[in-house]
Amino acid sequence: FRGIVSMIVSKKNRTSVYAYLFKEGVICAPNDVHLPEHPQIPVPNLHVLKLMLSLKSRGYVTEKFSWQYFYYKLTDEGIEYLRTYLHLPSNVTPRTLQKQPQQAGFERGGPRRGPGGFGGRGRMGGGQFGREDYRGPKKDFGAPSDFAPEFGGGRG
């Protein structure tokens, strides 16, 4: 069994990673097995990567990889598994499932800044500095408007 390599992760480290994952609902880990400590959790990054690999193989997390970072998100089955592993009541949920409180003064969809909601920029035009301002004043060059070329049909 030389091809099978297992890793022993201490219960303290496993519980720390699982608690963070359950609290946030997501975890991001750099693709660096030599990193002495994960950026958010006081655990070696290799332990985080291996624990997430184990959870992924059981279908408890989904994995995305971009720009040398792994992004893991808990699935519904993963939430139930971690809830039983960490002995949490059923009313405790990850942050990704909690509703964010509405802030006063904001309309639906966020603050509006002007036409189009982008401070007056973009296709909806307007604003202090628009696309036309960037391009500069309209230049008058080219053929005059009354120019009518005649083609001889290939005769030279």
Protein backbone atom coordinates (compact mmCIF):
# COMPACT_ATOMS: atom_id res chain seq x y z
CA PHE A 1 0.00 0.00 0.00
CA ARG A 2 2.70 2.49 -0.89
CA GLY A 3 0.29 4.64 -2.97
CA ILE A 4 -2.10 5.26 -0.10
CA VAL A 5 -0.94 8.08 2.13
CA SER A 6 -3.06 9.14 5.05
CA MET A 7 -2.56 12.14 7.22
CA ILE A 8 -3.21 12.28 10.91
CA VAL A 9 -4.65 15.63 11.96
CA SER A 10 -5.04 16.32 15.66
CA LYS A 11 -8.56 16.62 17.02
CA LYS A 12 -7.82 20.19 18.14
CA ASN A 13 -6.84 21.25 14.61
CA ARG A 14 -9.75 19.34 13.05
CA THR A 15 -12.22 20.99 15.43
CA SER A 16 -10.73 24.44 14.77
CA VAL A 17 -11.06 24.06 11.01
CA TYR A 18 -14.56 22.56 11.20
CA ALA A 19 -15.73 25.27 13.61
CA TYR A 20 -14.43 28.03 11.33
CA LEU A 21 -15.98 26.39 8.27
CA PHE A 22 -19.34 26.00 9.99
CA LYS A 23 -19.32 29.55 11.37
CA GLU A 24 -18.50 31.18 8.00
CA GLY A 25 -20.00 28.62 5.62
CA VAL A 26 -17.00 29.05 3.32
CA ILE A 27 -13.24 28.81 3.61
CA CYS A 28 -10.43 29.99 1.37
CA ALA A 29 -7.03 28.31 1.43
CA PRO A 30 -3.90 29.19 -0.54
CA ASN A 31 -2.42 26.40 -2.65
CA ASP A 32 0.73 26.24 -0.54
CA VAL A 33 1.36 23.08 1.46
CA HIS A 34 4.51 24.59 3.00
CA LEU A 35 2.68 27.54 4.55
CA PRO A 36 3.26 27.18 8.31
CA GLU A 37 -0.16 28.59 9.23
CA HIS A 38 -3.46 29.20 7.48
CA PRO A 39 -4.20 32.95 7.12
CA GLN A 40 -7.44 32.83 9.18
CA ILE A 41 -7.00 29.78 11.44
CA PRO A 42 -4.01 28.97 13.69
CA VAL A 43 -3.56 25.58 11.97
CA PRO A 44 -0.99 24.47 9.36
CA ASN A 45 -2.33 25.17 5.87
CA LEU A 46 -1.60 21.56 4.86
CA HIS A 47 -4.06 20.35 7.51
CA VAL A 48 -6.75 22.69 6.17
CA LEU A 49 -6.18 21.48 2.60
CA LYS A 50 -6.29 17.80 3.59
CA LEU A 51 -9.39 18.19 5.75
CA MET A 52 -11.17 20.01 2.91
CA LEU A 53 -10.08 17.26 0.50
CA SER A 54 -11.65 14.70 2.82
CA LEU A 55 -14.89 16.69 3.12
CA LYS A 56 -14.97 17.19 -0.65
CA SER A 57 -14.62 13.47 -1.32
CA ARG A 58 -17.65 12.84 0.92
CA GLY A 59 -19.69 15.57 -0.79
CA TYR A 60 -19.80 17.90 2.19
CA VAL A 61 -18.11 20.85 0.44
CA THR A 62 -17.83 22.11 -3.13
CA GLU A 63 -14.44 23.25 -4.41
CA LYS A 64 -13.44 26.05 -6.76
CA PHE A 65 -9.83 26.80 -7.71
CA SER A 66 -8.69 30.16 -9.00
CA TRP A 67 -5.43 32.09 -8.92
CA GLN A 68 -3.67 29.57 -6.67
CA TYR A 69 -6.45 29.62 -4.05
CA PHE A 70 -8.95 26.92 -3.16
CA TYR A 71 -12.45 28.12 -2.31
CA TYR A 72 -14.67 25.68 -0.41
CA LYS A 73 -18.38 26.11 0.27
CA LEU A 74 -20.47 23.93 2.59
CA THR A 75 -23.27 21.87 1.08
CA ASP A 76 -26.50 21.07 2.94
CA GLU A 77 -25.15 17.61 3.78
CA GLY A 78 -21.94 19.23 5.05
CA ILE A 79 -23.91 21.53 7.32
CA GLU A 80 -25.71 18.56 8.86
CA TYR A 81 -22.45 16.60 9.24
CA LEU A 82 -20.62 19.47 10.95
CA ARG A 83 -23.63 20.21 13.14
CA THR A 84 -23.51 16.65 14.49
CA TYR A 85 -19.69 16.59 14.68
CA LEU A 86 -19.53 19.87 16.63
CA HIS A 87 -22.65 19.04 18.72
CA LEU A 88 -24.49 22.21 17.69
CA PRO A 89 -28.25 22.80 17.97
CA SER A 90 -30.32 22.90 14.79
CA ASN A 91 -31.05 26.63 15.10
CA VAL A 92 -27.35 27.54 14.59
CA THR A 93 -26.58 28.19 10.91
CA PRO A 94 -23.51 29.35 8.94
CA ARG A 95 -23.19 33.02 8.01
CA THR A 96 -23.81 32.23 4.35
CA LEU A 97 -27.38 31.17 5.23
CA GLN A 98 -28.18 34.05 7.57
CA LYS A 99 -30.10 37.06 6.28
CA GLN A 100 -28.19 40.32 6.42
CA PRO A 101 -30.06 43.11 8.22
CA GLN A 102 -31.28 45.90 5.93
CA GLN A 103 -29.55 49.20 6.49
CA ALA A 104 -31.68 52.34 6.67
CA GLY A 105 -31.42 54.76 3.77
CA PHE A 106 -30.75 52.16 1.09
CA GLU A 107 -33.25 51.28 -1.57
CA ARG A 108 -33.68 47.79 -2.88
CA GLY A 109 -30.63 46.86 -4.90
CA GLY A 110 -28.24 49.18 -3.09
CA PRO A 111 -27.58 52.88 -3.20
CA ARG A 112 -28.32 54.73 -6.42
CA ARG A 113 -25.72 57.25 -7.39
CA GLY A 114 -27.15 58.69 -10.57
CA PRO A 115 -28.40 57.57 -13.97
CA GLY A 116 -27.72 53.84 -14.23
CA GLY A 117 -26.62 53.59 -10.59
CA PHE A 118 -22.93 53.97 -11.41
CA GLY A 119 -22.33 57.59 -10.53
CA GLY A 120 -23.44 58.75 -13.97
CA ARG A 121 -20.94 56.60 -15.83
CA GLY A 122 -21.62 53.84 -18.27
CA ARG A 123 -24.04 53.37 -21.11
CA MET A 124 -26.75 55.44 -19.51
CA GLY A 125 -24.49 58.46 -20.04
CA GLY A 126 -24.48 61.70 -18.15
CA GLY A 127 -22.35 62.42 -15.17
CA GLN A 128 -19.50 64.81 -14.74
CA PHE A 129 -17.02 62.90 -16.90
CA GLY A 130 -18.65 60.84 -19.60
CA ARG A 131 -17.35 58.87 -22.53
CA GLU A 132 -17.40 61.93 -24.77
CA ASP A 133 -15.23 63.88 -22.34
CA TYR A 134 -12.67 61.10 -22.39
CA ARG A 135 -12.49 61.09 -26.18
CA GLY A 136 -12.04 64.85 -26.36
CA PRO A 137 -13.77 67.38 -28.62
CA LYS A 138 -15.25 66.24 -31.91
CA LYS A 139 -12.69 66.62 -34.68
CA ASP A 140 -13.64 67.86 -38.13
CA PHE A 141 -11.69 65.87 -40.68
CA GLY A 142 -12.36 63.58 -43.61
CA ALA A 143 -14.25 64.16 -46.85
CA PRO A 144 -16.64 67.13 -47.08
CA SER A 145 -20.33 66.35 -46.77
CA ASP A 146 -21.02 67.23 -50.46
CA PHE A 147 -18.30 64.93 -51.81
CA ALA A 148 -19.76 62.41 -54.30
CA PRO A 149 -17.12 60.09 -55.81
CA GLU A 150 -17.72 58.61 -59.28
CA PHE A 151 -16.43 55.22 -60.23
CA GLY A 152 -15.78 54.32 -63.84
CA GLY A 153 -16.50 50.62 -63.50
CA GLY A 154 -12.86 49.54 -63.76
CA ARG A 155 -11.89 51.66 -66.77
CA GLY A 156 -8.74 53.54 -66.19
